[in-house]
Amino acid sequence: MAVSPKIGKMHGPDRASVLAPVHGAIGARLPKLLQDYPGRFLNSSRRLKNSVMASLSS
């Protein structure tokens, strides 16, 4: 399927080349972020629960 020149100009190669390193960096860090997230979420929810309990008891 041929891409029309208009579309090609709109989403030019420069935009792709500018975004490529960003996508690469995000793609490289994503697995790490996904691994970190559950632990961080559990820690923050535990902390939240503790602060709620503390405020209820006081």
N, C-alpha and C. Protein backbone atom coordinates (compact mmCIF):
# COMPACT_ATOMS: atom_id res chain seq x y z
N MET A 1 0.85 -1.19 0.00
CA MET A 1 0.00 0.00 0.00
C MET A 1 0.89 1.25 0.00
N ALA A 2 0.63 2.12 -0.94
CA ALA A 2 1.44 3.33 -1.06
C ALA A 2 0.93 4.41 -0.12
N VAL A 3 1.87 5.11 0.49
CA VAL A 3 1.50 6.22 1.36
C VAL A 3 1.46 7.49 0.52
N SER A 4 0.39 8.24 0.62
CA SER A 4 0.28 9.47 -0.17
C SER A 4 1.30 10.49 0.34
N PRO A 5 1.84 11.32 -0.56
CA PRO A 5 2.86 12.31 -0.16
C PRO A 5 2.38 13.23 0.96
N LYS A 6 1.08 13.54 0.93
CA LYS A 6 0.51 14.44 1.93
C LYS A 6 0.68 13.84 3.34
N ILE A 7 0.29 12.56 3.48
CA ILE A 7 0.41 11.88 4.77
C ILE A 7 1.88 11.76 5.16
N GLY A 8 2.71 11.43 4.18
CA GLY A 8 4.14 11.28 4.43
C GLY A 8 4.75 12.57 4.95
N LYS A 9 4.28 13.71 4.41
CA LYS A 9 4.81 15.01 4.83
C LYS A 9 4.30 15.36 6.23
N MET A 10 3.03 15.03 6.48
CA MET A 10 2.42 15.35 7.76
C MET A 10 3.16 14.64 8.90
N HIS A 11 3.34 13.33 8.76
CA HIS A 11 4.07 12.55 9.76
C HIS A 11 5.45 12.26 9.18
N GLY A 12 6.25 13.29 9.08
CA GLY A 12 7.52 13.20 8.38
C GLY A 12 8.53 12.31 9.08
N PRO A 13 9.61 11.96 8.38
CA PRO A 13 10.66 11.11 8.96
C PRO A 13 11.34 11.78 10.14
N ASP A 14 11.38 13.11 10.13
CA ASP A 14 12.05 13.81 11.24
C ASP A 14 11.30 13.58 12.55
N ARG A 15 9.96 13.56 12.46
CA ARG A 15 9.18 13.32 13.67
C ARG A 15 9.45 11.91 14.21
N ALA A 16 9.51 10.95 13.30
CA ALA A 16 9.77 9.57 13.70
C ALA A 16 11.16 9.45 14.32
N SER A 17 12.14 10.11 13.70
CA SER A 17 13.52 10.00 14.19
C SER A 17 13.68 10.73 15.53
N VAL A 18 12.85 11.73 15.75
CA VAL A 18 12.89 12.44 17.03
C VAL A 18 12.27 11.56 18.12
N LEU A 19 11.17 10.87 17.78
CA LEU A 19 10.47 10.06 18.76
C LEU A 19 11.13 8.71 19.01
N ALA A 20 11.87 8.20 18.02
CA ALA A 20 12.45 6.86 18.13
C ALA A 20 13.29 6.66 19.40
N PRO A 21 14.23 7.57 19.72
CA PRO A 21 15.02 7.39 20.94
C PRO A 21 14.16 7.40 22.20
N VAL A 22 13.11 8.22 22.17
CA VAL A 22 12.21 8.31 23.32
C VAL A 22 11.50 6.98 23.50
N HIS A 23 10.95 6.45 22.39
CA HIS A 23 10.28 5.16 22.46
C HIS A 23 11.25 4.08 22.93
N GLY A 24 12.49 4.15 22.44
CA GLY A 24 13.50 3.18 22.83
C GLY A 24 13.76 3.23 24.33
N ALA A 25 13.88 4.44 24.86
CA ALA A 25 14.15 4.61 26.28
C ALA A 25 12.99 4.11 27.12
N ILE A 26 11.78 4.45 26.69
CA ILE A 26 10.59 4.00 27.42
C ILE A 26 10.49 2.48 27.35
N GLY A 27 10.70 1.93 26.16
CA GLY A 27 10.62 0.48 25.97
C GLY A 27 11.64 -0.25 26.83
N ALA A 28 12.84 0.34 26.96
CA ALA A 28 13.90 -0.29 27.74
C ALA A 28 13.58 -0.25 29.23
N ARG A 29 12.93 0.83 29.66
CA ARG A 29 12.68 1.00 31.10
C ARG A 29 11.36 0.39 31.55
N LEU A 30 10.46 0.13 30.58
CA LEU A 30 9.13 -0.33 30.93
C LEU A 30 9.12 -1.59 31.79
N PRO A 31 9.86 -2.64 31.42
CA PRO A 31 9.83 -3.86 32.25
C PRO A 31 10.25 -3.57 33.69
N LYS A 32 11.28 -2.73 33.85
CA LYS A 32 11.76 -2.37 35.18
C LYS A 32 10.66 -1.63 35.94
N LEU A 33 10.01 -0.69 35.27
CA LEU A 33 8.94 0.08 35.91
C LEU A 33 7.80 -0.83 36.31
N LEU A 34 7.47 -1.79 35.45
CA LEU A 34 6.38 -2.71 35.74
C LEU A 34 6.74 -3.61 36.92
N GLN A 35 8.01 -3.97 37.03
CA GLN A 35 8.46 -4.79 38.16
C GLN A 35 8.41 -3.99 39.45
N ASP A 36 8.82 -2.73 39.37
CA ASP A 36 8.85 -1.88 40.56
C ASP A 36 7.46 -1.52 41.04
N TYR A 37 6.53 -1.38 40.09
CA TYR A 37 5.23 -0.81 40.44
C TYR A 37 4.46 -1.58 41.51
N PRO A 38 4.31 -2.90 41.38
CA PRO A 38 3.51 -3.62 42.40
C PRO A 38 4.06 -3.43 43.81
N GLY A 39 5.36 -3.50 43.97
CA GLY A 39 5.97 -3.30 45.28
C GLY A 39 5.71 -1.91 45.81
N ARG A 40 5.86 -0.93 44.93
CA ARG A 40 5.65 0.46 45.33
C ARG A 40 4.19 0.66 45.71
N PHE A 41 3.30 0.04 44.94
CA PHE A 41 1.87 0.18 45.18
C PHE A 41 1.50 -0.44 46.53
N LEU A 42 2.05 -1.64 46.80
CA LEU A 42 1.76 -2.32 48.06
C LEU A 42 2.28 -1.50 49.23
N ASN A 43 3.49 -0.95 49.07
CA ASN A 43 4.07 -0.14 50.15
C ASN A 43 3.23 1.08 50.43
N SER A 44 2.80 1.76 49.36
CA SER A 44 2.03 2.99 49.55
C SER A 44 0.66 2.69 50.13
N SER A 45 0.05 1.56 49.71
CA SER A 45 -1.27 1.22 50.25
C SER A 45 -1.17 0.82 51.71
N ARG A 46 -0.08 0.15 52.07
CA ARG A 46 0.14 -0.23 53.47
C ARG A 46 0.32 1.03 54.31
N ARG A 47 1.10 1.97 53.78
CA ARG A 47 1.35 3.23 54.47
C ARG A 47 0.04 4.00 54.62
N LEU A 48 -0.76 3.98 53.57
CA LEU A 48 -2.05 4.67 53.58
C LEU A 48 -2.96 4.06 54.63
N LYS A 49 -2.99 2.74 54.67
CA LYS A 49 -3.84 2.04 55.64
C LYS A 49 -3.40 2.39 57.06
N ASN A 50 -2.09 2.42 57.29
CA ASN A 50 -1.57 2.76 58.62
C ASN A 50 -1.96 4.17 59.02
N SER A 51 -1.85 5.11 58.09
CA SER A 51 -2.19 6.49 58.42
C SER A 51 -3.69 6.65 58.65
N VAL A 52 -4.50 5.89 57.92
CA VAL A 52 -5.95 5.93 58.13
C VAL A 52 -6.29 5.37 59.51
N MET A 53 -5.66 4.24 59.86
CA MET A 53 -5.90 3.62 61.16
C MET A 53 -5.48 4.58 62.28
N ALA A 54 -4.34 5.23 62.09
CA ALA A 54 -3.83 6.15 63.10
C ALA A 54 -4.79 7.33 63.29
N SER A 55 -5.30 7.85 62.18
CA SER A 55 -6.20 9.00 62.29
C SER A 55 -7.55 8.59 62.89
N LEU A 56 -7.96 7.34 62.65
CA LEU A 56 -9.22 6.85 63.21
C LEU A 56 -9.12 6.66 64.72
N SER A 57 -7.96 6.13 65.15
CA SER A 57 -7.81 5.81 66.57
C SER A 57 -7.58 7.06 67.42
N SER A 58 -7.04 8.11 66.82
CA SER A 58 -6.75 9.32 67.60
C SER A 58 -8.00 10.16 67.83
